[in-house]
Amino acid sequence: MSNKQKVRKAVIAAAGFGTRFLPQTKAMPKEMLPIVDKPIIQYVVEELVEAGIQDIVLVTGYHKRSIEDHFDQISADLKANLKNGNKTALLEETVKISNLANFAYVRQKGPYGNATPIMNASHLIGDEPFIYAYADDLYRASPSRFKQAIDHYDELGGSILPCVRISEDEEYQRYGIVGGEEVRPGLVKMNIIKEKPGREEAPSNLASNAGYLFTPEIFEYLEKSVNDVQPGKEFQVQDVMAKMMDDGMLYHGFELEDAKYYDTGNKLEYIKTVIEFGLEREDINGKLSEYLKTLDV
C-alpha cells in the first residue's frame, strides 16, 4: 500500500448552538469555553496538528466569528501591548496559534445533522482521506486518538473509527455502536454501526465517540443520501456509513489505547475538566490544591 495517500486534512464541526451552556453561549461559542486559559477547540486543533494534519476546515455558523478570530493573526494592538509589557513568552505563544495549520472556514448549510459539515467541506478536501472531528470533543491519549487512527489507516486502508469500550446503560443510548468481525483484540472489521441502540440492540460494547477517519468515497454517498432525508429527520453520517458498508466499503473500528474522554459539553464534567487541567499547571496547581482542601464539602 505504498501508494496510499497521506492523511493531511481535517474537518471540524463547530456550528452547534451549545444550548446546555446558555446563557453563556448566547455570545460565546461553546467551543471557545476555556480550559483554564485555552479554548476547547484549540486542544482539538493541536491534537490534529500533532498527528500530522496540515489543512483544517472549520465548519461554523453565523455566531462563530470568535473562532475565526482566535486562529487569525494577532492584532497589532495586542501585539504592541504584549511587547510594551515585556510579555515575550505570552506573545510568542499567542502568535503561534495562527501558524498551527492552514485554516479555512465554511458556513454550514443544509439539513440538520452531523453529516452536513462533511458535505459542506467536500470541495476543500477533494480526493483525499481526512479526519472528521467535533470542536468540543476533548480527548487525551498516547499516542493521540488521531495518530492512532492514522496508524491504523496506514496499515489497513479504508475508513477508521477510533472507539472506546463502554459499560453503562446510558452510554449505549448516547453513542454509535460498531459491530463486525474481530480481526484481533481491539480491532473490528465493521459491517454495522447502530446509532444509540440501547444495550439490548447493541452489536458490541465498542462506542464510536472519538471522531472519524474517512476516505473520499464518502462524498459521493453524502450527495446521494442528502436527498433522502425526511422532513424533521437528521442527516446522520452513521446512516451514510451503513450504506457504504452494505456496498462493501472497508471500515474498521479500533479500541483507543491509553485514552481519557472529557465531556466538556456537560456542565459538571466541564468544571471537573477545568479543575483537573488546572491541577496539572505548575503556575497554579499549588494554590488551587490548597484552595480545594479548604472547601467545606
C-alpha atoms as a PDB file:
ATOM      1  CA  MET A   1       0.000   0.000   0.000  1.00  0.00           C
ATOM      2  CA  SER A   2       2.860   2.359  -0.704  1.00  0.00           C
ATOM      3  CA  ASN A   3       0.623   4.456  -2.979  1.00  0.00           C
ATOM      4  CA  LYS A   4      -1.844   5.233  -0.195  1.00  0.00           C
ATOM      5  CA  GLN A   5      -2.494   8.949   0.197  1.00  0.00           C
ATOM      6  CA  LYS A   6      -1.198  10.651   3.297  1.00  0.00           C
ATOM      7  CA  VAL A   7      -3.805  11.957   5.728  1.00  0.00           C
ATOM      8  CA  ARG A   8      -3.130  15.677   5.925  1.00  0.00           C
ATOM      9  CA  LYS A   9      -6.585  17.299   6.058  1.00  0.00           C
ATOM     10  CA  ALA A  10      -9.294  17.537   8.700  1.00  0.00           C
ATOM     11  CA  VAL A  11     -12.826  18.855   9.061  1.00  0.00           C
ATOM     12  CA  ILE A  12     -14.009  20.211  12.403  1.00  0.00           C
ATOM     13  CA  ALA A  13     -17.732  20.625  13.018  1.00  0.00           C
ATOM     14  CA  ALA A  14     -18.277  23.806  15.020  1.00  0.00           C
ATOM     15  CA  ALA A  15     -21.750  25.067  14.159  1.00  0.00           C
ATOM     16  CA  GLY A  16     -23.761  23.914  17.188  1.00  0.00           C
ATOM     17  CA  PHE A  17     -25.602  26.321  19.464  1.00  0.00           C
ATOM     18  CA  GLY A  18     -24.325  24.996  22.797  1.00  0.00           C
ATOM     19  CA  THR A  19     -27.741  25.280  24.416  1.00  0.00           C
ATOM     20  CA  ARG A  20     -26.669  23.365  27.520  1.00  0.00           C
ATOM     21  CA  PHE A  21     -24.404  26.289  28.426  1.00  0.00           C
ATOM     22  CA  LEU A  22     -26.871  29.100  27.891  1.00  0.00           C
ATOM     23  CA  PRO A  23     -26.869  31.968  28.703  1.00  0.00           C
ATOM     24  CA  GLN A  24     -23.038  31.948  28.422  1.00  0.00           C
ATOM     25  CA  THR A  25     -23.137  30.576  24.876  1.00  0.00           C
ATOM     26  CA  LYS A  26     -25.550  33.269  23.694  1.00  0.00           C
ATOM     27  CA  ALA A  27     -22.489  35.378  22.859  1.00  0.00           C
ATOM     28  CA  MET A  28     -19.599  32.892  23.137  1.00  0.00           C
ATOM     29  CA  PRO A  29     -19.459  29.654  21.110  1.00  0.00           C
ATOM     30  CA  LYS A  30     -19.318  26.568  23.310  1.00  0.00           C
ATOM     31  CA  GLU A  31     -16.100  25.563  21.537  1.00  0.00           C
ATOM     32  CA  MET A  32     -14.451  28.714  22.907  1.00  0.00           C
ATOM     33  CA  LEU A  33     -15.157  27.909  26.547  1.00  0.00           C
ATOM     34  CA  PRO A  34     -11.756  27.975  28.280  1.00  0.00           C
ATOM     35  CA  ILE A  35      -9.978  25.085  29.918  1.00  0.00           C
ATOM     36  CA  VAL A  36      -8.040  27.360  32.279  1.00  0.00           C
ATOM     37  CA  ASP A  37      -6.679  29.751  29.606  1.00  0.00           C
ATOM     38  CA  LYS A  38      -7.030  27.817  26.344  1.00  0.00           C
ATOM     39  CA  PRO A  39     -10.318  27.251  24.482  1.00  0.00           C
ATOM     40  CA  ILE A  40     -11.533  23.693  23.987  1.00  0.00           C
ATOM     41  CA  ILE A  41     -11.258  23.904  20.213  1.00  0.00           C
ATOM     42  CA  GLN A  42      -7.560  24.776  20.395  1.00  0.00           C
ATOM     43  CA  TYR A  43      -6.869  21.482  22.166  1.00  0.00           C
ATOM     44  CA  VAL A  44      -8.605  19.671  19.289  1.00  0.00           C
ATOM     45  CA  VAL A  45      -6.605  21.608  16.688  1.00  0.00           C
ATOM     46  CA  GLU A  46      -3.320  20.952  18.477  1.00  0.00           C
ATOM     47  CA  GLU A  47      -4.138  17.250  18.654  1.00  0.00           C
ATOM     48  CA  LEU A  48      -4.757  17.188  14.900  1.00  0.00           C
ATOM     49  CA  VAL A  49      -1.530  19.062  14.160  1.00  0.00           C
ATOM     50  CA  GLU A  50       0.435  16.704  16.394  1.00  0.00           C
ATOM     51  CA  ALA A  51      -0.901  13.815  14.270  1.00  0.00           C
ATOM     52  CA  GLY A  52       0.406  15.429  11.077  1.00  0.00           C
ATOM     53  CA  ILE A  53      -2.637  17.361   9.870  1.00  0.00           C
ATOM     54  CA  GLN A  54      -1.722  20.455   7.851  1.00  0.00           C
ATOM     55  CA  ASP A  55      -5.050  21.783   6.493  1.00  0.00           C
ATOM     56  CA  ILE A  56      -8.082  22.249   8.743  1.00  0.00           C
ATOM     57  CA  VAL A  57     -11.564  23.185   7.554  1.00  0.00           C
ATOM     58  CA  LEU A  58     -13.769  24.594  10.298  1.00  0.00           C
ATOM     59  CA  VAL A  59     -17.477  24.386   9.506  1.00  0.00           C
ATOM     60  CA  THR A  60     -19.114  27.140  11.533  1.00  0.00           C
ATOM     61  CA  GLY A  61     -22.359  29.057  11.942  1.00  0.00           C
ATOM     62  CA  TYR A  62     -23.257  32.724  11.892  1.00  0.00           C
ATOM     63  CA  HIS A  63     -22.489  33.106  15.605  1.00  0.00           C
ATOM     64  CA  LYS A  64     -18.972  31.637  15.486  1.00  0.00           C
ATOM     65  CA  ARG A  65     -16.872  34.614  14.393  1.00  0.00           C
ATOM     66  CA  SER A  66     -14.774  34.442  17.561  1.00  0.00           C
ATOM     67  CA  ILE A  67     -13.445  31.031  16.459  1.00  0.00           C
ATOM     68  CA  GLU A  68     -12.147  32.566  13.247  1.00  0.00           C
ATOM     69  CA  ASP A  69     -10.667  35.474  15.187  1.00  0.00           C
ATOM     70  CA  HIS A  70      -8.915  33.110  17.582  1.00  0.00           C
ATOM     71  CA  PHE A  71      -6.999  31.351  14.807  1.00  0.00           C
ATOM     72  CA  ASP A  72      -6.369  34.569  12.870  1.00  0.00           C
ATOM     73  CA  GLN A  73      -3.200  36.654  13.062  1.00  0.00           C
ATOM     74  CA  ILE A  74      -2.696  38.535  16.324  1.00  0.00           C
ATOM     75  CA  SER A  75      -3.952  42.108  16.164  1.00  0.00           C
ATOM     76  CA  ALA A  76      -1.445  44.962  16.009  1.00  0.00           C
ATOM     77  CA  ASP A  77      -2.838  46.453  19.228  1.00  0.00           C
ATOM     78  CA  LEU A  78      -2.485  43.233  21.206  1.00  0.00           C
ATOM     79  CA  LYS A  79       0.979  42.630  19.777  1.00  0.00           C
ATOM     80  CA  ALA A  80       2.088  46.114  20.794  1.00  0.00           C
ATOM     81  CA  ASN A  81       0.573  45.713  24.265  1.00  0.00           C
ATOM     82  CA  LEU A  82       2.440  42.471  24.915  1.00  0.00           C
ATOM     83  CA  LYS A  83       5.683  43.878  23.545  1.00  0.00           C
ATOM     84  CA  ASN A  84       5.441  47.010  25.666  1.00  0.00           C
ATOM     85  CA  GLY A  85       4.734  44.887  28.720  1.00  0.00           C
ATOM     86  CA  ASN A  86       7.773  42.688  28.043  1.00  0.00           C
ATOM     87  CA  LYS A  87       5.480  39.656  27.895  1.00  0.00           C
ATOM     88  CA  THR A  88       7.645  37.910  25.324  1.00  0.00           C
ATOM     89  CA  ALA A  89       6.681  34.320  26.145  1.00  0.00           C
ATOM     90  CA  LEU A  90       2.978  35.144  26.048  1.00  0.00           C
ATOM     91  CA  LEU A  91       3.434  36.985  22.750  1.00  0.00           C
ATOM     92  CA  GLU A  92       5.211  34.007  21.177  1.00  0.00           C
ATOM     93  CA  GLU A  93       2.548  31.611  22.433  1.00  0.00           C
ATOM     94  CA  THR A  94      -0.264  33.771  21.051  1.00  0.00           C
ATOM     95  CA  VAL A  95       1.391  34.316  17.667  1.00  0.00           C
ATOM     96  CA  LYS A  96       1.930  30.564  17.328  1.00  0.00           C
ATOM     97  CA  ILE A  97      -1.829  29.878  17.305  1.00  0.00           C
ATOM     98  CA  SER A  98      -2.406  31.217  13.789  1.00  0.00           C
ATOM     99  CA  ASN A  99       0.539  29.189  12.488  1.00  0.00           C
ATOM    100  CA  LEU A 100      -0.655  25.827  13.785  1.00  0.00           C
ATOM    101  CA  ALA A 101      -2.180  24.893  10.425  1.00  0.00           C
ATOM    102  CA  ASN A 102      -3.708  26.242   7.250  1.00  0.00           C
ATOM    103  CA  PHE A 103      -7.246  27.220   8.267  1.00  0.00           C
ATOM    104  CA  ALA A 104     -10.295  27.546   6.037  1.00  0.00           C
ATOM    105  CA  TYR A 105     -13.813  28.440   7.156  1.00  0.00           C
ATOM    106  CA  VAL A 106     -17.137  27.311   5.711  1.00  0.00           C
ATOM    107  CA  ARG A 107     -20.588  28.336   6.929  1.00  0.00           C
ATOM    108  CA  GLN A 108     -22.785  25.314   7.499  1.00  0.00           C
ATOM    109  CA  LYS A 109     -25.806  24.977   5.251  1.00  0.00           C
ATOM    110  CA  GLY A 110     -28.146  22.086   4.638  1.00  0.00           C
ATOM    111  CA  PRO A 111     -30.233  19.753   6.777  1.00  0.00           C
ATOM    112  CA  TYR A 112     -29.589  19.471  10.492  1.00  0.00           C
ATOM    113  CA  GLY A 113     -27.284  16.599  11.397  1.00  0.00           C
ATOM    114  CA  ASN A 114     -23.660  15.530  11.725  1.00  0.00           C
ATOM    115  CA  ALA A 115     -23.268  14.586   8.043  1.00  0.00           C
ATOM    116  CA  THR A 116     -23.858  18.128   6.782  1.00  0.00           C
ATOM    117  CA  PRO A 117     -20.478  19.625   7.862  1.00  0.00           C
ATOM    118  CA  ILE A 118     -18.645  16.913   5.906  1.00  0.00           C
ATOM    119  CA  MET A 119     -20.677  17.636   2.786  1.00  0.00           C
ATOM    120  CA  ASN A 120     -20.075  21.371   3.190  1.00  0.00           C
ATOM    121  CA  ALA A 121     -16.294  20.826   3.259  1.00  0.00           C
ATOM    122  CA  SER A 122     -16.095  18.406   0.340  1.00  0.00           C
ATOM    123  CA  HIS A 123     -14.782  20.967  -2.160  1.00  0.00           C
ATOM    124  CA  LEU A 124     -11.844  21.741   0.133  1.00  0.00           C
ATOM    125  CA  ILE A 125     -10.990  18.121   0.926  1.00  0.00           C
ATOM    126  CA  GLY A 126     -11.118  16.853  -2.637  1.00  0.00           C
ATOM    127  CA  ASP A 127      -9.978  13.313  -3.378  1.00  0.00           C
ATOM    128  CA  GLU A 128      -8.102  12.777  -0.105  1.00  0.00           C
ATOM    129  CA  PRO A 129      -8.641  10.891   3.135  1.00  0.00           C
ATOM    130  CA  PHE A 130      -9.428  13.154   6.070  1.00  0.00           C
ATOM    131  CA  ILE A 131     -10.242  13.264   9.750  1.00  0.00           C
ATOM    132  CA  TYR A 132     -13.655  14.437  10.916  1.00  0.00           C
ATOM    133  CA  ALA A 133     -13.848  15.748  14.485  1.00  0.00           C
ATOM    134  CA  TYR A 134     -16.145  17.733  16.724  1.00  0.00           C
ATOM    135  CA  ALA A 135     -14.884  21.023  18.099  1.00  0.00           C
ATOM    136  CA  ASP A 136     -15.837  20.318  21.709  1.00  0.00           C
ATOM    137  CA  ASP A 137     -14.722  16.668  21.962  1.00  0.00           C
ATOM    138  CA  LEU A 138     -11.679  16.651  24.207  1.00  0.00           C
ATOM    139  CA  TYR A 139      -9.557  13.515  24.442  1.00  0.00           C
ATOM    140  CA  ARG A 140      -6.214  12.684  25.880  1.00  0.00           C
ATOM    141  CA  ALA A 141      -4.446   9.604  24.586  1.00  0.00           C
ATOM    142  CA  SER A 142      -0.896   8.443  24.000  1.00  0.00           C
ATOM    143  CA  PRO A 143      -0.408   8.484  21.058  1.00  0.00           C
ATOM    144  CA  SER A 144      -3.282  10.844  20.308  1.00  0.00           C
ATOM    145  CA  ARG A 145      -6.562   9.365  19.062  1.00  0.00           C
ATOM    146  CA  PHE A 146      -5.929  10.871  15.622  1.00  0.00           C
ATOM    147  CA  LYS A 147      -2.404   9.486  15.420  1.00  0.00           C
ATOM    148  CA  GLN A 148      -3.727   6.057  16.382  1.00  0.00           C
ATOM    149  CA  ALA A 149      -6.399   6.347  13.680  1.00  0.00           C
ATOM    150  CA  ILE A 150      -3.844   7.348  11.044  1.00  0.00           C
ATOM    151  CA  ASP A 151      -1.566   4.473  12.034  1.00  0.00           C
ATOM    152  CA  HIS A 152      -4.473   2.046  11.539  1.00  0.00           C
ATOM    153  CA  TYR A 153      -5.280   3.652   8.183  1.00  0.00           C
ATOM    154  CA  ASP A 154      -1.660   3.275   7.073  1.00  0.00           C
ATOM    155  CA  GLU A 155      -1.862  -0.416   7.944  1.00  0.00           C
ATOM    156  CA  LEU A 156      -5.375  -1.286   6.811  1.00  0.00           C
ATOM    157  CA  GLY A 157      -6.670   1.365   4.424  1.00  0.00           C
ATOM    158  CA  GLY A 158     -10.346   2.242   4.286  1.00  0.00           C
ATOM    159  CA  SER A 159     -12.201   4.324   6.854  1.00  0.00           C
ATOM    160  CA  ILE A 160     -11.196   4.126  10.517  1.00  0.00           C
ATOM    161  CA  LEU A 161     -13.228   4.797  13.656  1.00  0.00           C
ATOM    162  CA  PRO A 162     -11.454   5.275  16.996  1.00  0.00           C
ATOM    163  CA  CYS A 163     -13.669   3.764  19.686  1.00  0.00           C
ATOM    164  CA  VAL A 164     -13.899   3.239  23.430  1.00  0.00           C
ATOM    165  CA  ARG A 165     -15.285   0.378  25.489  1.00  0.00           C
ATOM    166  CA  ILE A 166     -18.498   1.236  27.311  1.00  0.00           C
ATOM    167  CA  SER A 167     -20.373  -0.417  30.152  1.00  0.00           C
ATOM    168  CA  GLU A 168     -23.123   1.896  31.406  1.00  0.00           C
ATOM    169  CA  ASP A 169     -26.690   1.674  30.062  1.00  0.00           C
ATOM    170  CA  GLU A 170     -26.831   5.396  29.335  1.00  0.00           C
ATOM    171  CA  GLU A 171     -23.701   5.170  27.175  1.00  0.00           C
ATOM    172  CA  TYR A 172     -25.494   2.767  24.828  1.00  0.00           C
ATOM    173  CA  GLN A 173     -28.122   5.496  24.424  1.00  0.00           C
ATOM    174  CA  ARG A 174     -25.567   8.213  23.611  1.00  0.00           C
ATOM    175  CA  TYR A 175     -23.173   6.793  21.024  1.00  0.00           C
ATOM    176  CA  GLY A 176     -22.973   4.865  17.787  1.00  0.00           C
ATOM    177  CA  ILE A 177     -22.005   1.255  18.484  1.00  0.00           C
ATOM    178  CA  VAL A 178     -19.899  -0.645  15.951  1.00  0.00           C
ATOM    179  CA  GLY A 179     -20.087  -4.326  15.123  1.00  0.00           C
ATOM    180  CA  GLY A 180     -18.422  -6.836  12.828  1.00  0.00           C
ATOM    181  CA  GLU A 181     -15.623  -9.369  12.660  1.00  0.00           C
ATOM    182  CA  GLU A 182     -12.903  -9.128  15.291  1.00  0.00           C
ATOM    183  CA  VAL A 183      -9.628  -9.094  13.375  1.00  0.00           C
ATOM    184  CA  ARG A 184      -7.570  -9.065  16.546  1.00  0.00           C
ATOM    185  CA  PRO A 185      -8.200  -7.893  20.114  1.00  0.00           C
ATOM    186  CA  GLY A 186      -9.458  -4.326  19.982  1.00  0.00           C
ATOM    187  CA  LEU A 187      -9.852  -4.219  16.179  1.00  0.00           C
ATOM    188  CA  VAL A 188     -13.117  -4.910  14.315  1.00  0.00           C
ATOM    189  CA  LYS A 189     -13.702  -5.110  10.567  1.00  0.00           C
ATOM    190  CA  MET A 190     -17.061  -3.398  10.624  1.00  0.00           C
ATOM    191  CA  ASN A 191     -20.263  -4.482   8.941  1.00  0.00           C
ATOM    192  CA  ILE A 192     -22.639  -2.352  11.021  1.00  0.00           C
ATOM    193  CA  ILE A 193     -22.933   0.754  13.134  1.00  0.00           C
ATOM    194  CA  LYS A 194     -26.061   1.397  15.195  1.00  0.00           C
ATOM    195  CA  GLU A 195     -26.739   4.878  16.499  1.00  0.00           C
ATOM    196  CA  LYS A 196     -27.895   4.962  20.141  1.00  0.00           C
ATOM    197  CA  PRO A 197     -29.274   1.410  20.019  1.00  0.00           C
ATOM    198  CA  GLY A 198     -29.580   0.689  23.742  1.00  0.00           C
ATOM    199  CA  ARG A 199     -27.756  -2.167  25.402  1.00  0.00           C
ATOM    200  CA  GLU A 200     -30.109  -4.897  24.138  1.00  0.00           C
ATOM    201  CA  GLU A 201     -29.773  -3.948  20.460  1.00  0.00           C
ATOM    202  CA  ALA A 202     -26.075  -3.023  20.510  1.00  0.00           C
ATOM    203  CA  PRO A 203     -23.809  -5.158  18.279  1.00  0.00           C
ATOM    204  CA  SER A 204     -20.875  -4.800  20.728  1.00  0.00           C
ATOM    205  CA  ASN A 205     -19.584  -2.599  23.537  1.00  0.00           C
ATOM    206  CA  LEU A 206     -17.321  -0.553  21.231  1.00  0.00           C
ATOM    207  CA  ALA A 207     -18.636   3.006  21.009  1.00  0.00           C
ATOM    208  CA  SER A 208     -17.693   5.447  18.273  1.00  0.00           C
ATOM    209  CA  ASN A 209     -17.344   8.804  20.028  1.00  0.00           C
ATOM    210  CA  ALA A 210     -13.806   9.952  19.227  1.00  0.00           C
ATOM    211  CA  GLY A 211     -14.059  11.219  15.654  1.00  0.00           C
ATOM    212  CA  TYR A 212     -13.609   9.524  12.290  1.00  0.00           C
ATOM    213  CA  LEU A 213     -11.058   8.990   9.549  1.00  0.00           C
ATOM    214  CA  PHE A 214     -12.903   8.859   6.228  1.00  0.00           C
ATOM    215  CA  THR A 215     -11.825   8.090   2.688  1.00  0.00           C
ATOM    216  CA  PRO A 216     -13.115  10.463  -0.017  1.00  0.00           C
ATOM    217  CA  GLU A 217     -15.673   7.923  -1.279  1.00  0.00           C
ATOM    218  CA  ILE A 218     -17.969   9.203   1.452  1.00  0.00           C
ATOM    219  CA  PHE A 219     -18.665  12.390  -0.517  1.00  0.00           C
ATOM    220  CA  GLU A 220     -20.464  10.506  -3.297  1.00  0.00           C
ATOM    221  CA  TYR A 221     -22.640   8.768  -0.721  1.00  0.00           C
ATOM    222  CA  LEU A 222     -23.396  12.029   1.049  1.00  0.00           C
ATOM    223  CA  GLU A 223     -24.591  13.634  -2.188  1.00  0.00           C
ATOM    224  CA  LYS A 224     -26.877  10.675  -2.861  1.00  0.00           C
ATOM    225  CA  SER A 225     -28.184  10.409   0.698  1.00  0.00           C
ATOM    226  CA  VAL A 226     -28.969  14.067   1.391  1.00  0.00           C
ATOM    227  CA  ASN A 227     -31.968  13.916  -0.937  1.00  0.00           C
ATOM    228  CA  ASP A 228     -33.412  11.029   1.067  1.00  0.00           C
ATOM    229  CA  VAL A 229     -33.554  12.914   4.374  1.00  0.00           C
ATOM    230  CA  GLN A 230     -37.148  13.081   5.520  1.00  0.00           C
ATOM    231  CA  PRO A 231     -38.602  16.346   6.896  1.00  0.00           C
ATOM    232  CA  GLY A 232     -37.877  16.619  10.593  1.00  0.00           C
ATOM    233  CA  LYS A 233     -35.154  13.960  10.461  1.00  0.00           C
ATOM    234  CA  GLU A 234     -31.405  14.474  10.942  1.00  0.00           C
ATOM    235  CA  PHE A 235     -28.835  13.904   8.205  1.00  0.00           C
ATOM    236  CA  GLN A 236     -26.729  11.353  10.070  1.00  0.00           C
ATOM    237  CA  VAL A 237     -23.266  10.231   8.997  1.00  0.00           C
ATOM    238  CA  GLN A 238     -23.926   6.859  10.655  1.00  0.00           C
ATOM    239  CA  ASP A 239     -26.685   6.169   8.105  1.00  0.00           C
ATOM    240  CA  VAL A 240     -24.297   7.054   5.275  1.00  0.00           C
ATOM    241  CA  MET A 241     -21.614   4.799   6.709  1.00  0.00           C
ATOM    242  CA  ALA A 242     -24.108   1.925   6.890  1.00  0.00           C
ATOM    243  CA  LYS A 243     -24.857   2.300   3.163  1.00  0.00           C
ATOM    244  CA  MET A 244     -21.153   2.292   2.382  1.00  0.00           C
ATOM    245  CA  MET A 245     -20.601  -0.893   4.371  1.00  0.00           C
ATOM    246  CA  ASP A 246     -23.576  -2.521   2.639  1.00  0.00           C
ATOM    247  CA  ASP A 247     -21.778  -1.798  -0.633  1.00  0.00           C
ATOM    248  CA  GLY A 248     -18.606  -3.452   0.634  1.00  0.00           C
ATOM    249  CA  MET A 249     -16.645  -0.308   1.510  1.00  0.00           C
ATOM    250  CA  LEU A 250     -13.917  -1.044   4.046  1.00  0.00           C
ATOM    251  CA  TYR A 251     -14.453   0.180   7.615  1.00  0.00           C
ATOM    252  CA  HIS A 252     -12.559  -0.690  10.795  1.00  0.00           C
ATOM    253  CA  GLY A 253     -13.239   0.283  14.377  1.00  0.00           C
ATOM    254  CA  PHE A 254     -10.470   0.063  16.942  1.00  0.00           C
ATOM    255  CA  GLU A 255     -10.266   0.491  20.688  1.00  0.00           C
ATOM    256  CA  LEU A 256      -8.250   3.531  21.659  1.00  0.00           C
ATOM    257  CA  GLU A 257      -5.243   2.840  23.836  1.00  0.00           C
ATOM    258  CA  ASP A 258      -4.416   4.827  26.948  1.00  0.00           C
ATOM    259  CA  ALA A 259      -7.263   7.281  26.352  1.00  0.00           C
ATOM    260  CA  LYS A 260      -9.439   9.516  28.520  1.00  0.00           C
ATOM    261  CA  TYR A 261     -12.510  11.404  27.327  1.00  0.00           C
ATOM    262  CA  TYR A 262     -13.507  14.753  28.822  1.00  0.00           C
ATOM    263  CA  ASP A 263     -17.198  15.511  28.303  1.00  0.00           C
ATOM    264  CA  THR A 264     -16.920  19.285  28.091  1.00  0.00           C
ATOM    265  CA  GLY A 265     -20.490  19.550  26.843  1.00  0.00           C
ATOM    266  CA  ASN A 266     -21.726  18.585  30.307  1.00  0.00           C
ATOM    267  CA  LYS A 267     -21.634  21.336  32.942  1.00  0.00           C
ATOM    268  CA  LEU A 268     -20.362  19.194  35.796  1.00  0.00           C
ATOM    269  CA  GLU A 269     -17.813  17.370  33.630  1.00  0.00           C
ATOM    270  CA  TYR A 270     -16.642  20.686  32.193  1.00  0.00           C
ATOM    271  CA  ILE A 271     -15.944  22.059  35.679  1.00  0.00           C
ATOM    272  CA  LYS A 272     -14.136  18.852  36.628  1.00  0.00           C
ATOM    273  CA  THR A 273     -12.035  19.122  33.461  1.00  0.00           C
ATOM    274  CA  VAL A 274     -11.007  22.686  34.267  1.00  0.00           C
ATOM    275  CA  ILE A 275     -10.001  21.639  37.774  1.00  0.00           C
ATOM    276  CA  GLU A 276      -8.028  18.609  36.559  1.00  0.00           C
ATOM    277  CA  PHE A 277      -6.160  20.625  33.944  1.00  0.00           C
ATOM    278  CA  GLY A 278      -5.565  23.388  36.459  1.00  0.00           C
ATOM    279  CA  LEU A 279      -4.009  20.940  38.904  1.00  0.00           C
ATOM    280  CA  GLU A 280      -1.514  19.975  36.201  1.00  0.00           C
ATOM    281  CA  ARG A 281      -0.330  23.558  35.758  1.00  0.00           C
ATOM    282  CA  GLU A 282       2.866  24.349  37.615  1.00  0.00           C
ATOM    283  CA  ASP A 283       1.937  28.031  37.843  1.00  0.00           C
ATOM    284  CA  ILE A 284      -1.321  27.449  39.731  1.00  0.00           C
ATOM    285  CA  ASN A 285      -1.518  23.843  40.926  1.00  0.00           C
ATOM    286  CA  GLY A 286      -0.199  24.509  44.430  1.00  0.00           C
ATOM    287  CA  LYS A 287      -2.610  27.297  45.331  1.00  0.00           C
ATOM    288  CA  LEU A 288      -5.504  25.589  43.567  1.00  0.00           C
ATOM    289  CA  SER A 289      -4.890  22.393  45.512  1.00  0.00           C
ATOM    290  CA  GLU A 290      -4.741  24.333  48.759  1.00  0.00           C
ATOM    291  CA  TYR A 291      -7.996  26.100  47.922  1.00  0.00           C
ATOM    292  CA  LEU A 292      -9.821  22.870  47.114  1.00  0.00           C
ATOM    293  CA  LYS A 293      -8.818  21.469  50.508  1.00  0.00           C
ATOM    294  CA  THR A 294     -10.460  24.431  52.241  1.00  0.00           C
ATOM    295  CA  LEU A 295     -13.862  23.805  50.703  1.00  0.00           C
ATOM    296  CA  ASP A 296     -16.403  22.507  53.182  1.00  0.00           C
ATOM    297  CA  VAL A 297     -17.888  19.693  51.128  1.00  0.00           C
END
